[in-house]
Amino acid sequence: MQAIRIHEYGNAGKLQLEEIPRLQVTDDQILVRVRDAGVNPIDWKIRQGHLKQVMPAQFPLTIGQDFAGEVAQLGKAADPFHVGDRVFGFAQGAYAEYVAAPVSTVAAIPEALDFITAAALPTAGLTALQIIRDVVKARSGMTILIHGAAGGVGSFASQIAINAGANVIGSATGVDNDYLKSIGVAQVIDYKREPFEEKVSKVDAVVDLVGGETLAHSYGVVRPGGVLATTVQPIDEAAASRAGIRAVQVFMRRNSADLSSLADMVAKGSVKPRLAQTMSLRQAKEAQELSESGKTHGKVILKVA
């Protein structure tokens, strides 16, 4: 089978399309014929070696973690799946013709969704769902400020919060203004032109997907008793204490139940992934460079089959 692998850390030029043996599955895995793979920032961060302290690689390493495809083979304890089922989820090495995926991180694709849409959901979608539902606990009447509201996680988070009845303020670049308005964001702040801390105050929650100075300035705009959630870096406990707020660094949890919940939202039309473009597997280098540039407006998908 064909797969995109690296043999050492480095730039996108390290990505190689190679022929490797077809994978074997353990009892609690399914072998999936990959149709589409999602490109995420974590993919190129792993390739560059940024996560080697917490996720050391064993080379050669097949890149990618989000996929959508069809079950090709079952492990002995792979209930409730069947050969031929359309599935999506997480697996190590998704930039490949086949992946061996744990059943605990895979869910069925609803009939209304195609493979490309399903492949766009796992990492960004579950991160957003768990922040908005579990940490922020969005509900009607809340005001939530989302930094990076038009990005991969942010676009999902904005829609999920709005569907819960929250009033969403989004910080983004000016070019994303129309998109954010189209999904129901009440107020858009162009962070390049206007400091958000001069535009908002005493919000119920901040979702920070940017980090750095943006995170540092966010503690002061949350009302006492509110919550700040970030995916980017450790929180400042002292700043949170001074502001009288709860601050949480969020780490996404892979699980099939949340994948199913997210897919149902998309199938019903209440959440729509923001798709940028689809490229071929052999264009993995260009796809990662595009993701890394930050200039893409939406999800990049690799068409595998």
C-alpha atoms as a PDB file:
ATOM      1  CA  MET A   1       0.000   0.000   0.000  1.00  0.00           C
ATOM      2  CA  GLN A   2       1.050   3.614  -0.455  1.00  0.00           C
ATOM      3  CA  ALA A   3       1.722   5.918   2.494  1.00  0.00           C
ATOM      4  CA  ILE A   4       3.270   9.309   3.237  1.00  0.00           C
ATOM      5  CA  ARG A   5       6.163   8.798   5.641  1.00  0.00           C
ATOM      6  CA  ILE A   6       9.089  10.638   7.173  1.00  0.00           C
ATOM      7  CA  HIS A   7      12.417   9.095   8.164  1.00  0.00           C
ATOM      8  CA  GLU A   8      13.541  12.059  10.265  1.00  0.00           C
ATOM      9  CA  TYR A   9      12.194  15.356  11.576  1.00  0.00           C
ATOM     10  CA  GLY A  10      12.328  18.339   9.262  1.00  0.00           C
ATOM     11  CA  ASN A  11      10.519  20.487   6.713  1.00  0.00           C
ATOM     12  CA  ALA A  12       7.794  19.349   4.329  1.00  0.00           C
ATOM     13  CA  GLY A  13      10.445  18.055   1.940  1.00  0.00           C
ATOM     14  CA  LYS A  14      10.915  15.130   4.338  1.00  0.00           C
ATOM     15  CA  LEU A  15       7.479  13.762   3.364  1.00  0.00           C
ATOM     16  CA  GLN A  16       7.880  10.796   1.031  1.00  0.00           C
ATOM     17  CA  LEU A  17       5.250   8.745  -0.814  1.00  0.00           C
ATOM     18  CA  GLU A  18       6.363   5.152  -0.309  1.00  0.00           C
ATOM     19  CA  GLU A  19       5.136   1.615  -0.886  1.00  0.00           C
ATOM     20  CA  ILE A  20       4.889  -0.229   2.433  1.00  0.00           C
ATOM     21  CA  PRO A  21       3.405  -3.555   3.576  1.00  0.00           C
ATOM     22  CA  ARG A  22      -0.332  -3.632   4.270  1.00  0.00           C
ATOM     23  CA  LEU A  23      -1.103  -3.298   7.975  1.00  0.00           C
ATOM     24  CA  GLN A  24      -2.253  -6.042  10.326  1.00  0.00           C
ATOM     25  CA  VAL A  25      -4.968  -5.391  12.905  1.00  0.00           C
ATOM     26  CA  THR A  26      -5.110  -6.369  16.566  1.00  0.00           C
ATOM     27  CA  ASP A  27      -8.268  -7.699  18.217  1.00  0.00           C
ATOM     28  CA  ASP A  28      -9.662  -4.251  19.070  1.00  0.00           C
ATOM     29  CA  GLN A  29      -8.873  -2.634  15.702  1.00  0.00           C
ATOM     30  CA  ILE A  30     -10.414  -2.378  12.258  1.00  0.00           C
ATOM     31  CA  LEU A  31      -8.533  -2.069   9.000  1.00  0.00           C
ATOM     32  CA  VAL A  32      -9.949   0.834   7.015  1.00  0.00           C
ATOM     33  CA  ARG A  33      -9.536   1.556   3.321  1.00  0.00           C
ATOM     34  CA  VAL A  34      -8.944   5.289   3.488  1.00  0.00           C
ATOM     35  CA  ARG A  35     -10.861   7.476   1.065  1.00  0.00           C
ATOM     36  CA  ASP A  36      -9.925  10.878   2.480  1.00  0.00           C
ATOM     37  CA  ALA A  37      -7.573  12.176   5.165  1.00  0.00           C
ATOM     38  CA  GLY A  38      -7.784  15.490   6.990  1.00  0.00           C
ATOM     39  CA  VAL A  39      -4.723  17.728   7.274  1.00  0.00           C
ATOM     40  CA  ASN A  40      -4.223  19.236  10.745  1.00  0.00           C
ATOM     41  CA  PRO A  41      -1.597  21.552  12.248  1.00  0.00           C
ATOM     42  CA  ILE A  42      -0.589  18.738  14.593  1.00  0.00           C
ATOM     43  CA  ASP A  43       0.507  16.740  11.528  1.00  0.00           C
ATOM     44  CA  TRP A  44       3.201  19.206  10.523  1.00  0.00           C
ATOM     45  CA  LYS A  45       4.115  19.956  14.137  1.00  0.00           C
ATOM     46  CA  ILE A  46       4.876  16.252  14.584  1.00  0.00           C
ATOM     47  CA  ARG A  47       6.852  16.256  11.324  1.00  0.00           C
ATOM     48  CA  GLN A  48       8.905  19.233  12.480  1.00  0.00           C
ATOM     49  CA  GLY A  49       9.664  17.591  15.837  1.00  0.00           C
ATOM     50  CA  HIS A  50       7.839  20.126  18.009  1.00  0.00           C
ATOM     51  CA  LEU A  51       6.096  17.346  19.947  1.00  0.00           C
ATOM     52  CA  LYS A  52       8.987  14.904  20.227  1.00  0.00           C
ATOM     53  CA  GLN A  53       9.228  15.355  24.000  1.00  0.00           C
ATOM     54  CA  VAL A  54       5.645  14.199  24.559  1.00  0.00           C
ATOM     55  CA  MET A  55       5.114  12.136  21.388  1.00  0.00           C
ATOM     56  CA  PRO A  56       8.504  10.715  20.368  1.00  0.00           C
ATOM     57  CA  ALA A  57       8.415   9.245  16.877  1.00  0.00           C
ATOM     58  CA  GLN A  58       9.602   5.820  15.798  1.00  0.00           C
ATOM     59  CA  PHE A  59      10.935   6.216  12.268  1.00  0.00           C
ATOM     60  CA  PRO A  60       9.874   5.663   9.603  1.00  0.00           C
ATOM     61  CA  LEU A  61       6.639   7.358  10.652  1.00  0.00           C
ATOM     62  CA  THR A  62       3.445   7.505   8.607  1.00  0.00           C
ATOM     63  CA  ILE A  63       1.871  10.945   9.046  1.00  0.00           C
ATOM     64  CA  GLY A  64      -1.752  11.909   9.720  1.00  0.00           C
ATOM     65  CA  GLN A  65      -4.505  11.086  12.204  1.00  0.00           C
ATOM     66  CA  ASP A  66      -7.934  12.020  10.728  1.00  0.00           C
ATOM     67  CA  PHE A  67      -9.531   9.710   8.152  1.00  0.00           C
ATOM     68  CA  ALA A  68     -12.746   8.612   6.482  1.00  0.00           C
ATOM     69  CA  GLY A  69     -13.149   5.362   4.570  1.00  0.00           C
ATOM     70  CA  GLU A  70     -14.587   1.842   4.511  1.00  0.00           C
ATOM     71  CA  VAL A  71     -13.972  -1.102   6.817  1.00  0.00           C
ATOM     72  CA  ALA A  72     -11.828  -3.682   5.027  1.00  0.00           C
ATOM     73  CA  GLN A  73     -11.059  -6.111   7.854  1.00  0.00           C
ATOM     74  CA  LEU A  74     -12.171  -6.694  11.441  1.00  0.00           C
ATOM     75  CA  GLY A  75     -10.269  -7.600  14.560  1.00  0.00           C
ATOM     76  CA  LYS A  76     -11.754 -10.321  16.753  1.00  0.00           C
ATOM     77  CA  ALA A  77     -13.330  -7.756  19.119  1.00  0.00           C
ATOM     78  CA  ALA A  78     -14.288  -5.123  16.574  1.00  0.00           C
ATOM     79  CA  ASP A  79     -18.013  -4.922  17.307  1.00  0.00           C
ATOM     80  CA  PRO A  80     -20.242  -3.248  16.174  1.00  0.00           C
ATOM     81  CA  PHE A  81     -18.601  -2.756  12.776  1.00  0.00           C
ATOM     82  CA  HIS A  82     -18.888  -4.848   9.617  1.00  0.00           C
ATOM     83  CA  VAL A  83     -16.777  -5.079   6.483  1.00  0.00           C
ATOM     84  CA  GLY A  84     -17.953  -2.400   4.081  1.00  0.00           C
ATOM     85  CA  ASP A  85     -19.198   0.036   6.738  1.00  0.00           C
ATOM     86  CA  ARG A  86     -18.430   3.693   6.088  1.00  0.00           C
ATOM     87  CA  VAL A  87     -16.465   5.023   9.060  1.00  0.00           C
ATOM     88  CA  PHE A  88     -14.375   7.986  10.193  1.00  0.00           C
ATOM     89  CA  GLY A  89     -12.197   8.840  13.136  1.00  0.00           C
ATOM     90  CA  PHE A  90      -8.640   8.728  14.416  1.00  0.00           C
ATOM     91  CA  ALA A  91      -5.716   6.447  13.629  1.00  0.00           C
ATOM     92  CA  GLN A  92      -1.956   6.805  13.504  1.00  0.00           C
ATOM     93  CA  GLY A  93      -0.818   7.152   9.900  1.00  0.00           C
ATOM     94  CA  ALA A  94      -3.935   8.425   8.113  1.00  0.00           C
ATOM     95  CA  TYR A  95      -1.996   9.664   5.063  1.00  0.00           C
ATOM     96  CA  ALA A  96      -2.129   6.155   3.634  1.00  0.00           C
ATOM     97  CA  GLU A  97      -4.296   3.766   1.647  1.00  0.00           C
ATOM     98  CA  TYR A  98      -5.089   1.763   4.803  1.00  0.00           C
ATOM     99  CA  VAL A  99      -5.106   2.493   8.529  1.00  0.00           C
ATOM    100  CA  ALA A 100      -5.452   0.216  11.544  1.00  0.00           C
ATOM    101  CA  ALA A 101      -7.850   2.094  13.831  1.00  0.00           C
ATOM    102  CA  PRO A 102      -8.938   1.275  17.410  1.00  0.00           C
ATOM    103  CA  VAL A 103     -12.711   0.759  17.511  1.00  0.00           C
ATOM    104  CA  SER A 104     -12.864   3.207  20.443  1.00  0.00           C
ATOM    105  CA  THR A 105     -11.811   6.094  18.166  1.00  0.00           C
ATOM    106  CA  VAL A 106     -14.025   5.333  15.158  1.00  0.00           C
ATOM    107  CA  ALA A 107     -17.685   6.013  14.375  1.00  0.00           C
ATOM    108  CA  ALA A 108     -20.087   5.309  11.532  1.00  0.00           C
ATOM    109  CA  ILE A 109     -20.571   7.981   8.885  1.00  0.00           C
ATOM    110  CA  PRO A 110     -24.223   9.060   8.626  1.00  0.00           C
ATOM    111  CA  GLU A 111     -25.794   8.411   5.248  1.00  0.00           C
ATOM    112  CA  ALA A 112     -26.125  12.152   4.593  1.00  0.00           C
ATOM    113  CA  LEU A 113     -22.356  12.776   4.769  1.00  0.00           C
ATOM    114  CA  ASP A 114     -19.701  12.121   2.144  1.00  0.00           C
ATOM    115  CA  PHE A 115     -16.164  10.976   2.900  1.00  0.00           C
ATOM    116  CA  ILE A 116     -14.612  14.427   2.445  1.00  0.00           C
ATOM    117  CA  THR A 117     -16.948  16.015   4.982  1.00  0.00           C
ATOM    118  CA  ALA A 118     -16.392  13.177   7.468  1.00  0.00           C
ATOM    119  CA  ALA A 119     -12.606  13.424   7.128  1.00  0.00           C
ATOM    120  CA  ALA A 120     -12.792  17.122   8.068  1.00  0.00           C
ATOM    121  CA  LEU A 121     -14.411  16.437  11.441  1.00  0.00           C
ATOM    122  CA  PRO A 122     -12.306  14.458  13.944  1.00  0.00           C
ATOM    123  CA  THR A 123      -9.521  16.610  15.412  1.00  0.00           C
ATOM    124  CA  ALA A 124     -10.946  20.098  14.963  1.00  0.00           C
ATOM    125  CA  GLY A 125     -14.548  19.074  15.545  1.00  0.00           C
ATOM    126  CA  LEU A 126     -14.034  17.074  18.727  1.00  0.00           C
ATOM    127  CA  THR A 127     -11.745  19.740  20.184  1.00  0.00           C
ATOM    128  CA  ALA A 128     -14.464  22.327  19.617  1.00  0.00           C
ATOM    129  CA  LEU A 129     -17.286  20.112  20.891  1.00  0.00           C
ATOM    130  CA  GLN A 130     -15.500  19.257  24.122  1.00  0.00           C
ATOM    131  CA  ILE A 131     -14.524  22.880  24.815  1.00  0.00           C
ATOM    132  CA  ILE A 132     -17.984  24.304  24.211  1.00  0.00           C
ATOM    133  CA  ARG A 133     -20.042  21.484  25.738  1.00  0.00           C
ATOM    134  CA  ASP A 134     -17.849  20.304  28.605  1.00  0.00           C
ATOM    135  CA  VAL A 135     -15.680  23.260  29.663  1.00  0.00           C
ATOM    136  CA  VAL A 136     -17.589  26.403  28.697  1.00  0.00           C
ATOM    137  CA  LYS A 137     -20.969  24.636  29.068  1.00  0.00           C
ATOM    138  CA  ALA A 138     -22.586  26.938  26.515  1.00  0.00           C
ATOM    139  CA  ARG A 139     -26.251  27.738  27.008  1.00  0.00           C
ATOM    140  CA  SER A 140     -28.841  30.288  26.021  1.00  0.00           C
ATOM    141  CA  GLY A 141     -27.998  33.824  27.090  1.00  0.00           C
ATOM    142  CA  MET A 142     -24.244  33.313  27.514  1.00  0.00           C
ATOM    143  CA  THR A 143     -21.763  35.586  25.754  1.00  0.00           C
ATOM    144  CA  ILE A 144     -18.648  33.798  24.531  1.00  0.00           C
ATOM    145  CA  LEU A 145     -15.587  35.418  22.946  1.00  0.00           C
ATOM    146  CA  ILE A 146     -13.775  33.017  20.590  1.00  0.00           C
ATOM    147  CA  HIS A 147     -10.273  33.894  19.411  1.00  0.00           C
ATOM    148  CA  GLY A 148      -9.459  32.387  16.019  1.00  0.00           C
ATOM    149  CA  ALA A 149     -13.185  32.001  15.409  1.00  0.00           C
ATOM    150  CA  ALA A 150     -12.841  31.338  11.677  1.00  0.00           C
ATOM    151  CA  GLY A 151     -10.129  28.682  11.944  1.00  0.00           C
ATOM    152  CA  GLY A 152     -10.378  24.913  12.028  1.00  0.00           C
ATOM    153  CA  VAL A 153     -11.426  24.552  15.664  1.00  0.00           C
ATOM    154  CA  GLY A 154     -12.896  28.042  15.902  1.00  0.00           C
ATOM    155  CA  SER A 155     -15.403  27.621  13.082  1.00  0.00           C
ATOM    156  CA  PHE A 156     -16.778  24.470  14.734  1.00  0.00           C
ATOM    157  CA  ALA A 157     -16.749  26.072  18.194  1.00  0.00           C
ATOM    158  CA  SER A 158     -18.612  29.143  16.950  1.00  0.00           C
ATOM    159  CA  GLN A 159     -21.369  27.077  15.367  1.00  0.00           C
ATOM    160  CA  ILE A 160     -21.736  24.677  18.310  1.00  0.00           C
ATOM    161  CA  ALA A 161     -21.962  27.593  20.759  1.00  0.00           C
ATOM    162  CA  ILE A 162     -24.513  29.425  18.608  1.00  0.00           C
ATOM    163  CA  ASN A 163     -26.608  26.258  18.327  1.00  0.00           C
ATOM    164  CA  ALA A 164     -26.611  26.081  22.134  1.00  0.00           C
ATOM    165  CA  GLY A 165     -28.145  29.565  22.215  1.00  0.00           C
ATOM    166  CA  ALA A 166     -25.000  31.518  23.112  1.00  0.00           C
ATOM    167  CA  ASN A 167     -24.117  34.955  21.793  1.00  0.00           C
ATOM    168  CA  VAL A 168     -20.734  34.581  20.066  1.00  0.00           C
ATOM    169  CA  ILE A 169     -18.159  37.311  19.540  1.00  0.00           C
ATOM    170  CA  GLY A 170     -15.388  36.221  17.193  1.00  0.00           C
ATOM    171  CA  SER A 171     -11.903  37.637  16.774  1.00  0.00           C
ATOM    172  CA  ALA A 172     -10.381  36.954  13.358  1.00  0.00           C
ATOM    173  CA  THR A 173      -8.860  38.742  10.386  1.00  0.00           C
ATOM    174  CA  GLY A 174     -11.007  41.072   8.330  1.00  0.00           C
ATOM    175  CA  VAL A 175     -11.180  38.688   5.377  1.00  0.00           C
ATOM    176  CA  ASP A 176     -13.167  36.262   7.532  1.00  0.00           C
ATOM    177  CA  ASN A 177     -15.795  38.797   8.543  1.00  0.00           C
ATOM    178  CA  ASP A 178     -18.379  37.707   5.966  1.00  0.00           C
ATOM    179  CA  TYR A 179     -17.892  34.024   6.756  1.00  0.00           C
ATOM    180  CA  LEU A 180     -18.377  34.542  10.480  1.00  0.00           C
ATOM    181  CA  LYS A 181     -21.474  36.662   9.931  1.00  0.00           C
ATOM    182  CA  SER A 182     -22.861  33.947   7.655  1.00  0.00           C
ATOM    183  CA  ILE A 183     -22.714  31.337  10.440  1.00  0.00           C
ATOM    184  CA  GLY A 184     -24.365  33.609  12.986  1.00  0.00           C
ATOM    185  CA  VAL A 185     -21.475  35.241  14.873  1.00  0.00           C
ATOM    186  CA  ALA A 186     -22.992  38.365  16.431  1.00  0.00           C
ATOM    187  CA  GLN A 187     -19.887  40.570  16.491  1.00  0.00           C
ATOM    188  CA  VAL A 188     -16.589  40.206  14.634  1.00  0.00           C
ATOM    189  CA  ILE A 189     -13.408  41.893  15.857  1.00  0.00           C
ATOM    190  CA  ASP A 190     -10.534  42.304  13.398  1.00  0.00           C
ATOM    191  CA  TYR A 191      -7.678  41.557  15.764  1.00  0.00           C
ATOM    192  CA  LYS A 192      -5.139  43.143  13.402  1.00  0.00           C
ATOM    193  CA  ARG A 193      -6.904  46.498  13.540  1.00  0.00           C
ATOM    194  CA  GLU A 194      -8.590  46.756  16.930  1.00  0.00           C
ATOM    195  CA  PRO A 195      -7.577  45.415  20.355  1.00  0.00           C
ATOM    196  CA  PHE A 196     -10.324  43.066  21.492  1.00  0.00           C
ATOM    197  CA  GLU A 197      -9.898  44.138  25.118  1.00  0.00           C
ATOM    198  CA  GLU A 198     -11.111  47.611  24.106  1.00  0.00           C
ATOM    199  CA  LYS A 199     -14.206  46.161  22.428  1.00  0.00           C
ATOM    200  CA  VAL A 200     -15.474  43.611  24.945  1.00  0.00           C
ATOM    201  CA  SER A 201     -15.630  43.152  28.702  1.00  0.00           C
ATOM    202  CA  LYS A 202     -17.268  40.919  31.285  1.00  0.00           C
ATOM    203  CA  VAL A 203     -18.016  38.069  28.880  1.00  0.00           C
ATOM    204  CA  ASP A 204     -19.110  34.760  30.368  1.00  0.00           C
ATOM    205  CA  ALA A 205     -16.344  32.816  28.655  1.00  0.00           C
ATOM    206  CA  VAL A 206     -13.330  33.127  26.391  1.00  0.00           C
ATOM    207  CA  VAL A 207     -12.202  30.330  24.082  1.00  0.00           C
ATOM    208  CA  ASP A 208      -8.579  31.000  23.126  1.00  0.00           C
ATOM    209  CA  LEU A 209      -7.210  29.205  20.072  1.00  0.00           C
ATOM    210  CA  VAL A 210      -4.342  31.657  19.474  1.00  0.00           C
ATOM    211  CA  GLY A 211      -2.197  31.936  22.591  1.00  0.00           C
ATOM    212  CA  GLY A 212       0.577  34.394  23.358  1.00  0.00           C
ATOM    213  CA  GLU A 213      -0.483  37.999  23.952  1.00  0.00           C
ATOM    214  CA  THR A 214      -4.053  37.146  22.960  1.00  0.00           C
ATOM    215  CA  LEU A 215      -4.303  34.706  25.840  1.00  0.00           C
ATOM    216  CA  ALA A 216      -2.513  37.079  28.215  1.00  0.00           C
ATOM    217  CA  HIS A 217      -5.017  39.857  27.517  1.00  0.00           C
ATOM    218  CA  SER A 218      -8.025  37.546  27.779  1.00  0.00           C
ATOM    219  CA  TYR A 219      -8.056  37.035  31.551  1.00  0.00           C
ATOM    220  CA  GLY A 220      -9.190  40.611  32.065  1.00  0.00           C
ATOM    221  CA  VAL A 221     -12.250  40.471  29.794  1.00  0.00           C
ATOM    222  CA  VAL A 222     -13.967  37.540  31.532  1.00  0.00           C
ATOM    223  CA  ARG A 223     -16.498  38.387  34.227  1.00  0.00           C
ATOM    224  CA  PRO A 224     -15.735  37.180  37.772  1.00  0.00           C
ATOM    225  CA  GLY A 225     -16.906  33.587  38.019  1.00  0.00           C
ATOM    226  CA  GLY A 226     -16.551  33.055  34.273  1.00  0.00           C
ATOM    227  CA  VAL A 227     -14.288  30.661  32.422  1.00  0.00           C
ATOM    228  CA  LEU A 228     -11.342  30.867  30.054  1.00  0.00           C
ATOM    229  CA  ALA A 229     -10.428  27.807  27.959  1.00  0.00           C
ATOM    230  CA  THR A 230      -7.315  27.534  25.809  1.00  0.00           C
ATOM    231  CA  THR A 231      -5.930  24.781  23.614  1.00  0.00           C
ATOM    232  CA  VAL A 232      -2.589  26.449  22.998  1.00  0.00           C
ATOM    233  CA  GLN A 233      -0.471  26.716  26.128  1.00  0.00           C
ATOM    234  CA  PRO A 234      -0.516  26.378  29.927  1.00  0.00           C
ATOM    235  CA  ILE A 235      -2.705  28.852  31.775  1.00  0.00           C
ATOM    236  CA  ASP A 236      -1.480  31.622  34.081  1.00  0.00           C
ATOM    237  CA  GLU A 237      -2.861  30.550  37.449  1.00  0.00           C
ATOM    238  CA  ALA A 238      -1.995  33.876  39.070  1.00  0.00           C
ATOM    239  CA  ALA A 239      -3.790  35.875  36.371  1.00  0.00           C
ATOM    240  CA  ALA A 240      -6.849  33.618  36.646  1.00  0.00           C
ATOM    241  CA  SER A 241      -6.896  34.020  40.429  1.00  0.00           C
ATOM    242  CA  ARG A 242      -6.646  37.817  40.207  1.00  0.00           C
ATOM    243  CA  ALA A 243      -9.527  37.885  37.728  1.00  0.00           C
ATOM    244  CA  GLY A 244     -11.625  35.518  39.844  1.00  0.00           C
ATOM    245  CA  ILE A 245     -12.186  33.120  36.953  1.00  0.00           C
ATOM    246  CA  ARG A 246     -11.717  29.454  36.150  1.00  0.00           C
ATOM    247  CA  ALA A 247      -9.042  28.847  33.518  1.00  0.00           C
ATOM    248  CA  VAL A 248      -8.483  25.507  31.790  1.00  0.00           C
ATOM    249  CA  GLN A 249      -5.993  24.201  29.255  1.00  0.00           C
ATOM    250  CA  VAL A 250      -8.006  21.778  27.141  1.00  0.00           C
ATOM    251  CA  PHE A 251      -6.733  18.525  25.644  1.00  0.00           C
ATOM    252  CA  MET A 252      -9.051  16.781  23.210  1.00  0.00           C
ATOM    253  CA  ARG A 253     -10.128  13.222  24.060  1.00  0.00           C
ATOM    254  CA  ARG A 254     -10.592  10.776  21.213  1.00  0.00           C
ATOM    255  CA  ASN A 255     -13.788   8.758  21.526  1.00  0.00           C
ATOM    256  CA  SER A 256     -16.421   7.293  19.257  1.00  0.00           C
ATOM    257  CA  ALA A 257     -19.406   8.708  21.163  1.00  0.00           C
ATOM    258  CA  ASP A 258     -18.343  12.300  20.556  1.00  0.00           C
ATOM    259  CA  LEU A 259     -17.562  11.512  16.912  1.00  0.00           C
ATOM    260  CA  SER A 260     -21.130  10.240  16.519  1.00  0.00           C
ATOM    261  CA  SER A 261     -22.583  13.316  18.241  1.00  0.00           C
ATOM    262  CA  LEU A 262     -20.616  15.642  15.986  1.00  0.00           C
ATOM    263  CA  ALA A 263     -21.536  13.724  12.839  1.00  0.00           C
ATOM    264  CA  ASP A 264     -25.219  13.918  13.794  1.00  0.00           C
ATOM    265  CA  MET A 265     -24.951  17.708  14.120  1.00  0.00           C
ATOM    266  CA  VAL A 266     -23.417  17.923  10.656  1.00  0.00           C
ATOM    267  CA  ALA A 267     -25.958  15.520   9.138  1.00  0.00           C
ATOM    268  CA  LYS A 268     -28.796  17.671  10.537  1.00  0.00           C
ATOM    269  CA  GLY A 269     -27.214  20.802   9.087  1.00  0.00           C
ATOM    270  CA  SER A 270     -26.705  22.577  12.406  1.00  0.00           C
ATOM    271  CA  VAL A 271     -22.910  22.479  11.980  1.00  0.00           C
ATOM    272  CA  LYS A 272     -21.051  22.714   8.691  1.00  0.00           C
ATOM    273  CA  PRO A 273     -17.298  22.167   8.370  1.00  0.00           C
ATOM    274  CA  ARG A 274     -15.421  24.900   6.555  1.00  0.00           C
ATOM    275  CA  LEU A 275     -13.685  23.174   3.647  1.00  0.00           C
ATOM    276  CA  ALA A 276     -10.858  24.813   1.710  1.00  0.00           C
ATOM    277  CA  GLN A 277      -9.608  22.417  -0.945  1.00  0.00           C
ATOM    278  CA  THR A 278      -8.966  18.775  -1.725  1.00  0.00           C
ATOM    279  CA  MET A 279      -5.567  17.588  -2.932  1.00  0.00           C
ATOM    280  CA  SER A 280      -4.159  14.199  -3.891  1.00  0.00           C
ATOM    281  CA  LEU A 281      -2.140  12.020  -1.516  1.00  0.00           C
ATOM    282  CA  ARG A 282       0.996  12.697  -3.531  1.00  0.00           C
ATOM    283  CA  GLN A 283       0.458  16.412  -2.849  1.00  0.00           C
ATOM    284  CA  ALA A 284       0.897  15.940   0.912  1.00  0.00           C
ATOM    285  CA  LYS A 285       3.942  18.230   0.904  1.00  0.00           C
ATOM    286  CA  GLU A 286       1.994  21.089  -0.684  1.00  0.00           C
ATOM    287  CA  ALA A 287      -1.002  20.421   1.570  1.00  0.00           C
ATOM    288  CA  GLN A 288       1.063  20.662   4.751  1.00  0.00           C
ATOM    289  CA  GLU A 289       2.848  23.776   3.516  1.00  0.00           C
ATOM    290  CA  LEU A 290      -0.550  25.353   2.842  1.00  0.00           C
ATOM    291  CA  SER A 291      -1.771  24.455   6.335  1.00  0.00           C
ATOM    292  CA  GLU A 292       1.454  25.708   7.874  1.00  0.00           C
ATOM    293  CA  SER A 293       1.220  29.049   6.046  1.00  0.00           C
ATOM    294  CA  GLY A 294      -2.018  29.906   7.827  1.00  0.00           C
ATOM    295  CA  LYS A 295      -3.373  31.326   4.579  1.00  0.00           C
ATOM    296  CA  THR A 296      -5.962  28.659   3.933  1.00  0.00           C
ATOM    297  CA  HIS A 297      -9.563  29.467   4.830  1.00  0.00           C
ATOM    298  CA  GLY A 298     -10.884  26.095   5.826  1.00  0.00           C
ATOM    299  CA  LYS A 299      -9.897  22.462   5.985  1.00  0.00           C
ATOM    300  CA  VAL A 300      -7.438  20.891   3.541  1.00  0.00           C
ATOM    301  CA  ILE A 301      -8.274  17.294   2.637  1.00  0.00           C
ATOM    302  CA  LEU A 302      -6.070  14.665   1.000  1.00  0.00           C
ATOM    303  CA  LYS A 303      -7.947  12.494  -1.502  1.00  0.00           C
ATOM    304  CA  VAL A 304      -6.503   8.995  -1.087  1.00  0.00           C
ATOM    305  CA  ALA A 305      -8.910   6.871  -3.176  1.00  0.00           C
END
